[in-house]
Amino acid sequence: MTDKAELETIEAEFARAIADAMDEQTLDAVRVAALGKKGRISEMMKGLGKMSPDERRDMGPLLNGLKERIGEALTARKDALQEAALSVRLASEKIDVTLPLRETALEAGRIHPLSQVWDEVVAIFADMGFAVENGPDIETDHYNFTALNFPEGHPAREMHDTFYFDPKADGSRALLRTHTSPVQVRTMEQGKPPFRFICPGRTYRSDSDQTHTPQFHQIEGLVIDETTHMGHLKWTLEEFLAAFFEVDGVELRMRPSYFPFTEPSMEVDVRCARLGNEIRIGEGDDWLEILGCGMVHPNVLKAVGLDPDKYQGFAFGIGLDRIAMLKYGIPDLRAFFEADLRWLKHYGFAALDVPTLAGGLTS
């Protein structure tokens, strides 16, 4: 039979084991050995039923006291180990609150200048009542040239300007569109006048230098109705350029030119000042060519089934890459497509800088 001295020895053994436990796993093993289903103290508790009433009266309180003290010691040691572990973790995860905050992905990310300018242009023309139309990058000769009054043998049809695909069985060849004007033809075919829309998008030509790339971006506009004239065209361009360059007004100069799809055709210059490498739009005594435009050629209207004796209108085309370079002082067009993160951080825009006319395009 177990006596009081033996119980004190057992308590001392478990007390040392609990004190020596350096982690919760080791401590749990001590708990199982002492108080588990087959633990030493648990087995002694089971023996109470075989004792006489007098023995049970003496040993019961001793065993229950031992069990309670060992349980309390286990709990105290577990709390101490958890506190020590927390202290170590806090020390390893210490944060210097005097350091500047790290940028979030939303703050660090940048919108490409081309994307920003695209949104600026769309915002301006939307405010003027223009819809936005889109079309395929891969076009047919009909939509890219024939329907736009490009005669056979026109230089723009030649391989040095246009990217052609391999010929099909019938001899026809698809191509990468050289301008966004095919969208004008497709839109007019699918609707009825009046038309007032812009068509921004990627275009492709076989050319590459500081101011030309094989793939670039254009935005073209078209207005067709029964009363539109060149005065409306000039006003539209003046309002757009003043809003885009965020100046009070611009002065335009229109020079005769030639485009197969407009008649008359004009190159448009805007008054500017050249100060070193800086160009200021809307002031000064110099001129800068900025876009092409004209009244829609009657043959283009005929190609989409419209009567040129009843309908007329104007069209214009603007290089998005070019006006982005002018507005934001970007010297080399090729950098737009080089995916240089340093360049994007310098010229890019914050993700939440959404251009609006009310709040300012570049606020």
Protein backbone atom coordinates (compact mmCIF):
# COMPACT_ATOMS: atom_id res chain seq x y z
CA MET A 1 0.00 0.00 0.00
CA THR A 2 1.23 3.48 -0.89
CA ASP A 3 2.07 5.64 2.12
CA LYS A 4 2.41 9.38 2.59
CA ALA A 5 6.22 9.31 2.17
CA GLU A 6 5.90 7.61 -1.21
CA LEU A 7 3.36 10.19 -2.35
CA GLU A 8 5.76 12.98 -1.39
CA THR A 9 8.51 11.27 -3.43
CA ILE A 10 6.21 10.97 -6.46
CA GLU A 11 5.18 14.63 -6.13
CA ALA A 12 8.81 15.72 -5.96
CA GLU A 13 9.65 13.70 -9.13
CA PHE A 14 6.82 15.23 -11.13
CA ALA A 15 7.57 18.72 -9.76
CA ARG A 16 11.17 18.41 -11.09
CA ALA A 17 9.92 17.11 -14.46
CA ILE A 18 7.48 20.00 -14.76
CA ALA A 19 10.14 22.56 -13.85
CA ASP A 20 12.61 21.02 -16.34
CA ALA A 21 10.11 21.06 -19.25
CA MET A 22 11.36 23.73 -21.72
CA ASP A 23 8.49 23.55 -24.22
CA GLU A 24 4.82 22.70 -24.27
CA GLN A 25 5.35 19.37 -25.99
CA THR A 26 7.65 18.12 -23.21
CA LEU A 27 5.28 19.49 -20.58
CA ASP A 28 2.35 17.65 -22.14
CA ALA A 29 4.30 14.40 -21.95
CA VAL A 30 4.73 14.99 -18.19
CA ARG A 31 0.98 15.60 -17.87
CA VAL A 32 0.18 12.34 -19.63
CA ALA A 33 2.67 10.44 -17.46
CA ALA A 34 1.11 11.86 -14.28
CA LEU A 35 -2.57 12.47 -14.97
CA GLY A 36 -3.26 10.72 -18.25
CA LYS A 37 -5.66 7.80 -18.50
CA LYS A 38 -2.84 5.42 -17.64
CA GLY A 39 -0.75 7.98 -15.77
CA ARG A 40 0.90 7.11 -12.48
CA ILE A 41 -1.38 9.22 -10.28
CA SER A 42 -4.48 8.13 -12.22
CA GLU A 43 -3.60 4.47 -11.61
CA MET A 44 -3.20 5.18 -7.89
CA MET A 45 -6.63 6.84 -7.87
CA LYS A 46 -8.12 3.67 -9.37
CA GLY A 47 -6.74 1.68 -6.42
CA LEU A 48 -8.91 3.53 -3.91
CA GLY A 49 -11.81 1.20 -4.69
CA LYS A 50 -9.83 -1.81 -3.45
CA MET A 51 -8.95 -0.24 -0.09
CA SER A 52 -10.80 -0.66 3.14
CA PRO A 53 -12.98 2.22 4.30
CA ASP A 54 -10.34 3.32 6.83
CA GLU A 55 -7.53 3.25 4.25
CA ARG A 56 -9.68 5.04 1.69
CA ARG A 57 -10.52 7.73 4.28
CA ASP A 58 -6.80 8.37 4.81
CA MET A 59 -5.50 8.00 1.21
CA GLY A 60 -8.38 9.70 -0.64
CA PRO A 61 -7.59 13.23 0.53
CA LEU A 62 -3.85 12.65 0.02
CA LEU A 63 -4.26 11.45 -3.60
CA ASN A 64 -6.79 14.16 -4.46
CA GLY A 65 -4.45 16.80 -3.01
CA LEU A 66 -1.53 15.36 -5.01
CA LYS A 67 -3.59 15.36 -8.21
CA GLU A 68 -4.72 18.95 -7.63
CA ARG A 69 -1.20 20.24 -6.87
CA ILE A 70 0.32 18.51 -9.93
CA GLY A 71 -2.48 19.95 -12.11
CA GLU A 72 -1.86 23.44 -10.76
CA ALA A 73 1.89 23.08 -11.36
CA LEU A 74 1.26 21.94 -14.94
CA THR A 75 -1.03 24.92 -15.58
CA ALA A 76 1.43 27.39 -14.06
CA ARG A 77 4.32 25.98 -16.11
CA LYS A 78 2.26 26.06 -19.31
CA ASP A 79 1.37 29.72 -18.70
CA ALA A 80 5.04 30.53 -18.08
CA LEU A 81 6.15 28.77 -21.28
CA GLN A 82 3.49 30.57 -23.36
CA GLU A 83 4.47 33.92 -21.90
CA ALA A 84 8.15 33.25 -22.64
CA ALA A 85 7.31 32.20 -26.22
CA LEU A 86 5.24 35.36 -26.68
CA SER A 87 8.11 37.50 -25.42
CA VAL A 88 10.50 35.87 -27.90
CA ARG A 89 8.00 36.37 -30.74
CA LEU A 90 7.39 39.99 -29.84
CA ALA A 91 11.12 40.63 -29.74
CA SER A 92 11.60 39.04 -33.18
CA GLU A 93 8.63 40.90 -34.71
CA LYS A 94 9.47 44.25 -33.24
CA ILE A 95 8.43 47.19 -35.43
CA ASP A 96 10.04 50.59 -35.39
CA VAL A 97 6.98 52.85 -35.48
CA THR A 98 9.19 55.81 -36.42
CA LEU A 99 9.93 54.27 -39.84
CA PRO A 100 7.90 55.57 -42.83
CA LEU A 101 4.97 53.44 -43.96
CA ARG A 102 5.60 50.96 -46.76
CA GLU A 103 3.61 51.74 -49.91
CA THR A 104 0.70 49.48 -50.67
CA ALA A 105 0.37 47.90 -54.11
CA LEU A 106 -2.30 50.48 -54.97
CA GLU A 107 0.04 53.33 -53.98
CA ALA A 108 3.13 51.89 -55.66
CA GLY A 109 1.44 50.86 -58.91
CA ARG A 110 1.54 53.24 -61.87
CA ILE A 111 -0.75 53.82 -64.82
CA HIS A 112 1.13 53.98 -68.14
CA PRO A 113 1.10 57.47 -69.70
CA LEU A 114 -0.58 56.08 -72.83
CA SER A 115 -3.42 54.62 -70.78
CA GLN A 116 -3.79 57.90 -68.93
CA VAL A 117 -3.84 59.98 -72.13
CA TRP A 118 -6.32 57.55 -73.68
CA ASP A 119 -8.67 58.12 -70.73
CA GLU A 120 -8.13 61.89 -70.88
CA VAL A 121 -9.04 62.04 -74.58
CA VAL A 122 -12.11 59.85 -74.11
CA ALA A 123 -13.26 62.01 -71.18
CA ILE A 124 -12.99 65.19 -73.26
CA PHE A 125 -14.83 63.85 -76.30
CA ALA A 126 -17.47 62.15 -74.18
CA ASP A 127 -18.21 65.55 -72.67
CA MET A 128 -18.65 66.86 -76.23
CA GLY A 129 -21.20 64.15 -77.02
CA PHE A 130 -18.99 61.67 -78.88
CA ALA A 131 -19.51 57.92 -78.51
CA VAL A 132 -16.55 55.49 -78.48
CA GLU A 133 -16.33 52.74 -81.11
CA ASN A 134 -13.85 49.88 -81.50
CA GLY A 135 -12.85 47.47 -84.24
CA PRO A 136 -10.42 44.61 -85.03
CA ASP A 137 -6.67 45.10 -85.30
CA ILE A 138 -6.51 42.57 -88.15
CA GLU A 139 -8.30 44.03 -91.14
CA THR A 140 -9.12 43.37 -94.77
CA ASP A 141 -7.86 45.39 -97.70
CA HIS A 142 -11.43 46.56 -98.28
CA TYR A 143 -11.91 48.21 -94.88
CA ASN A 144 -8.34 49.48 -94.51
CA PHE A 145 -7.96 50.88 -98.02
CA THR A 146 -10.66 50.41 -100.67
CA ALA A 147 -13.66 51.70 -98.66
CA LEU A 148 -11.54 54.70 -97.63
CA ASN A 149 -10.88 55.73 -101.23
CA PHE A 150 -7.30 54.47 -101.49
CA PRO A 151 -6.81 53.80 -105.21
CA GLU A 152 -4.95 50.74 -106.47
CA GLY A 153 -1.22 51.39 -106.51
CA HIS A 154 -1.35 53.97 -103.69
CA PRO A 155 2.04 53.98 -101.86
CA ALA A 156 0.39 53.22 -98.49
CA ARG A 157 -0.62 49.80 -99.85
CA GLU A 158 2.99 48.78 -100.40
CA MET A 159 4.87 46.39 -98.14
CA HIS A 160 7.21 49.09 -96.79
CA ASP A 161 4.26 50.69 -94.98
CA THR A 162 1.84 47.86 -94.25
CA PHE A 163 2.25 44.55 -92.40
CA TYR A 164 0.53 41.90 -94.54
CA PHE A 165 -0.26 38.31 -93.62
CA ASP A 166 0.40 35.40 -95.97
CA PRO A 167 -1.99 35.22 -98.95
CA LYS A 168 -5.14 33.10 -98.62
CA ALA A 169 -6.26 30.52 -101.17
CA ASP A 170 -8.18 33.18 -103.11
CA GLY A 171 -5.14 35.46 -103.22
CA SER A 172 -6.44 37.99 -100.67
CA ARG A 173 -4.28 39.00 -97.72
CA ALA A 174 -5.28 40.17 -94.27
CA LEU A 175 -3.23 42.97 -92.75
CA LEU A 176 -2.59 44.85 -89.51
CA ARG A 177 -4.60 48.05 -89.76
CA THR A 178 -2.50 51.11 -90.56
CA HIS A 179 -5.02 53.52 -89.00
CA THR A 180 -8.28 53.32 -87.03
CA SER A 181 -10.33 54.65 -89.96
CA PRO A 182 -11.67 51.15 -90.76
CA VAL A 183 -13.70 51.46 -87.54
CA GLN A 184 -15.44 54.46 -89.07
CA VAL A 185 -16.48 52.40 -92.11
CA ARG A 186 -17.65 49.44 -90.03
CA THR A 187 -19.66 51.68 -87.69
CA MET A 188 -21.35 53.56 -90.52
CA GLU A 189 -22.28 50.27 -92.22
CA GLN A 190 -24.02 49.05 -89.06
CA GLY A 191 -25.94 52.22 -88.23
CA LYS A 192 -27.75 55.22 -89.62
CA PRO A 193 -26.82 58.92 -89.56
CA PRO A 194 -26.27 61.09 -87.68
CA PHE A 195 -22.88 59.79 -86.45
CA ARG A 196 -20.64 61.34 -83.84
CA PHE A 197 -17.98 59.06 -82.44
CA ILE A 198 -14.27 58.55 -81.84
CA CYS A 199 -12.32 55.35 -82.40
CA PRO A 200 -9.12 55.02 -80.35
CA GLY A 201 -6.88 52.00 -80.79
CA ARG A 202 -3.60 50.40 -81.80
CA THR A 203 -2.29 50.81 -85.34
CA TYR A 204 0.69 49.31 -87.17
CA ARG A 205 3.17 50.53 -89.79
CA SER A 206 6.61 49.37 -90.82
CA ASP A 207 8.61 52.23 -89.34
CA SER A 208 10.91 52.64 -86.32
CA ASP A 209 12.96 55.57 -84.99
CA GLN A 210 12.89 58.11 -82.15
CA THR A 211 9.43 59.36 -83.16
CA HIS A 212 8.01 56.29 -84.94
CA THR A 213 7.36 52.73 -83.81
CA PRO A 214 5.93 49.73 -85.70
CA GLN A 215 2.95 49.75 -83.33
CA PHE A 216 1.46 53.02 -82.12
CA HIS A 217 -1.87 54.49 -81.04
CA GLN A 218 -4.34 56.71 -82.84
CA ILE A 219 -7.66 58.27 -82.12
CA GLU A 220 -9.88 59.24 -85.01
CA GLY A 221 -13.13 61.11 -84.88
CA LEU A 222 -16.06 61.22 -87.28
CA VAL A 223 -19.16 63.41 -87.47
CA ILE A 224 -21.75 62.79 -90.21
CA ASP A 225 -25.09 64.55 -90.59
CA GLU A 226 -26.86 66.89 -93.02
CA THR A 227 -25.54 70.24 -91.80
CA THR A 228 -21.98 69.81 -90.47
CA HIS A 229 -19.33 72.08 -92.01
CA MET A 230 -15.67 73.04 -91.53
CA GLY A 231 -16.53 75.60 -88.87
CA HIS A 232 -17.76 72.77 -86.66
CA LEU A 233 -14.54 70.87 -87.32
CA LYS A 234 -12.35 73.82 -86.33
CA TRP A 235 -14.37 74.48 -83.17
CA THR A 236 -14.20 70.80 -82.16
CA LEU A 237 -10.42 70.70 -82.53
CA GLU A 238 -9.93 74.01 -80.68
CA GLU A 239 -12.06 72.85 -77.76
CA PHE A 240 -10.35 69.47 -77.60
CA LEU A 241 -6.78 70.83 -77.69
CA ALA A 242 -7.52 73.55 -75.12
CA ALA A 243 -9.04 70.98 -72.75
CA PHE A 244 -6.31 68.38 -73.31
CA PHE A 245 -3.36 70.74 -72.82
CA GLU A 246 -5.28 72.51 -70.04
CA VAL A 247 -4.90 76.03 -71.40
CA ASP A 248 -7.45 78.81 -71.77
CA GLY A 249 -7.44 78.56 -75.55
CA VAL A 250 -5.45 77.56 -78.63
CA GLU A 251 -4.92 79.10 -82.03
CA LEU A 252 -4.98 76.76 -85.01
CA ARG A 253 -3.59 77.10 -88.50
CA MET A 254 -4.96 74.83 -91.22
CA ARG A 255 -2.81 74.05 -94.24
CA PRO A 256 -4.01 72.25 -97.39
CA SER A 257 -2.94 68.62 -97.56
CA TYR A 258 -4.02 65.32 -99.10
CA PHE A 259 -5.68 62.28 -97.56
CA PRO A 260 -7.59 59.85 -99.78
CA PHE A 261 -10.58 59.73 -97.43
CA THR A 262 -11.15 63.50 -96.98
CA GLU A 263 -11.72 66.39 -99.38
CA PRO A 264 -10.66 69.03 -98.67
CA SER A 265 -7.86 67.72 -96.44
CA MET A 266 -5.82 69.74 -93.98
CA GLU A 267 -2.82 69.50 -91.71
CA VAL A 268 -3.44 71.37 -88.46
CA ASP A 269 -0.77 73.40 -86.67
CA VAL A 270 -1.17 74.80 -83.18
CA ARG A 271 0.50 77.97 -81.91
CA CYS A 272 3.24 77.24 -79.41
CA ALA A 273 6.37 78.57 -77.75
CA ARG A 274 9.65 76.64 -77.81
CA LEU A 275 11.77 77.23 -74.72
CA GLY A 276 14.82 74.99 -74.92
CA ASN A 277 13.49 71.43 -74.82
CA GLU A 278 10.06 72.63 -73.63
CA ILE A 279 7.09 73.24 -75.89
CA ARG A 280 4.24 75.35 -74.52
CA ILE A 281 0.95 75.00 -76.35
CA GLY A 282 -1.32 78.03 -76.70
CA GLU A 283 1.33 80.74 -76.46
CA GLY A 284 4.36 82.08 -78.34
CA ASP A 285 5.04 82.80 -82.02
CA ASP A 286 5.90 79.33 -83.33
CA TRP A 287 3.75 76.58 -84.86
CA LEU A 288 3.64 72.84 -84.31
CA GLU A 289 1.97 70.33 -86.62
CA ILE A 290 -0.32 68.24 -84.44
CA LEU A 291 -2.97 66.38 -86.48
CA GLY A 292 -4.69 65.81 -89.82
CA CYS A 293 -8.32 66.33 -90.70
CA GLY A 294 -10.80 67.18 -93.43
CA MET A 295 -14.32 66.84 -94.75
CA VAL A 296 -15.29 63.22 -95.46
CA HIS A 297 -14.77 62.32 -99.12
CA PRO A 298 -18.00 61.58 -101.03
CA ASN A 299 -16.55 58.22 -102.15
CA VAL A 300 -16.28 57.10 -98.51
CA LEU A 301 -19.95 57.91 -97.96
CA LYS A 302 -20.88 56.02 -101.13
CA ALA A 303 -18.88 52.99 -99.96
CA VAL A 304 -21.12 52.67 -96.88
CA GLY A 305 -24.36 53.33 -98.74
CA LEU A 306 -24.87 57.00 -97.81
CA ASP A 307 -25.92 59.68 -100.27
CA PRO A 308 -23.16 62.35 -100.42
CA ASP A 309 -25.69 64.85 -101.78
CA LYS A 310 -27.62 64.53 -98.52
CA TYR A 311 -24.96 63.79 -95.91
CA GLN A 312 -21.62 65.35 -95.16
CA GLY A 313 -19.27 65.57 -92.21
CA PHE A 314 -15.71 65.76 -91.00
CA ALA A 315 -13.02 63.40 -89.77
CA PHE A 316 -9.76 63.91 -87.89
CA GLY A 317 -6.90 61.74 -86.70
CA ILE A 318 -4.56 62.29 -83.76
CA GLY A 319 -1.55 60.28 -82.63
CA LEU A 320 -2.07 59.47 -78.92
CA ASP A 321 1.62 58.72 -78.46
CA ARG A 322 2.58 62.07 -79.98
CA ILE A 323 0.28 64.22 -77.85
CA ALA A 324 1.32 62.24 -74.76
CA MET A 325 4.96 63.12 -75.51
CA LEU A 326 4.06 66.78 -76.00
CA LYS A 327 1.97 67.12 -72.85
CA TYR A 328 4.22 65.22 -70.45
CA GLY A 329 7.66 66.02 -71.89
CA ILE A 330 8.60 62.49 -72.94
CA PRO A 331 11.53 62.72 -75.40
CA ASP A 332 11.62 59.26 -77.00
CA LEU A 333 8.61 57.33 -78.31
CA ARG A 334 10.41 53.98 -78.07
CA ALA A 335 10.47 54.23 -74.26
CA PHE A 336 6.67 53.78 -74.26
CA PHE A 337 7.15 50.13 -75.22
CA GLU A 338 10.32 49.12 -73.34
CA ALA A 339 8.62 48.09 -70.06
CA ASP A 340 11.26 49.89 -67.96
CA LEU A 341 9.91 50.09 -64.40
CA ARG A 342 12.10 53.08 -63.59
CA TRP A 343 10.65 54.98 -66.55
CA LEU A 344 7.11 54.02 -65.56
CA LYS A 345 7.64 55.19 -61.97
CA HIS A 346 8.88 58.54 -63.29
CA TYR A 347 6.25 59.19 -65.98
CA GLY A 348 3.39 57.02 -64.72
CA PHE A 349 0.27 58.09 -62.83
CA ALA A 350 -1.22 56.93 -59.55
CA ALA A 351 -3.93 54.32 -59.95
CA LEU A 352 -6.62 56.62 -58.58
CA ASP A 353 -5.71 59.61 -60.77
CA VAL A 354 -8.80 59.18 -62.94
CA PRO A 355 -9.01 62.09 -65.41
CA THR A 356 -12.21 64.14 -65.35
CA LEU A 357 -12.99 67.54 -66.78
CA ALA A 358 -14.61 68.65 -63.53
CA GLY A 359 -11.67 67.66 -61.33
CA GLY A 360 -8.92 68.43 -63.83
CA LEU A 361 -7.31 65.92 -66.19
CA THR A 362 -4.01 65.85 -64.30
CA SER A 363 -5.13 66.87 -60.78
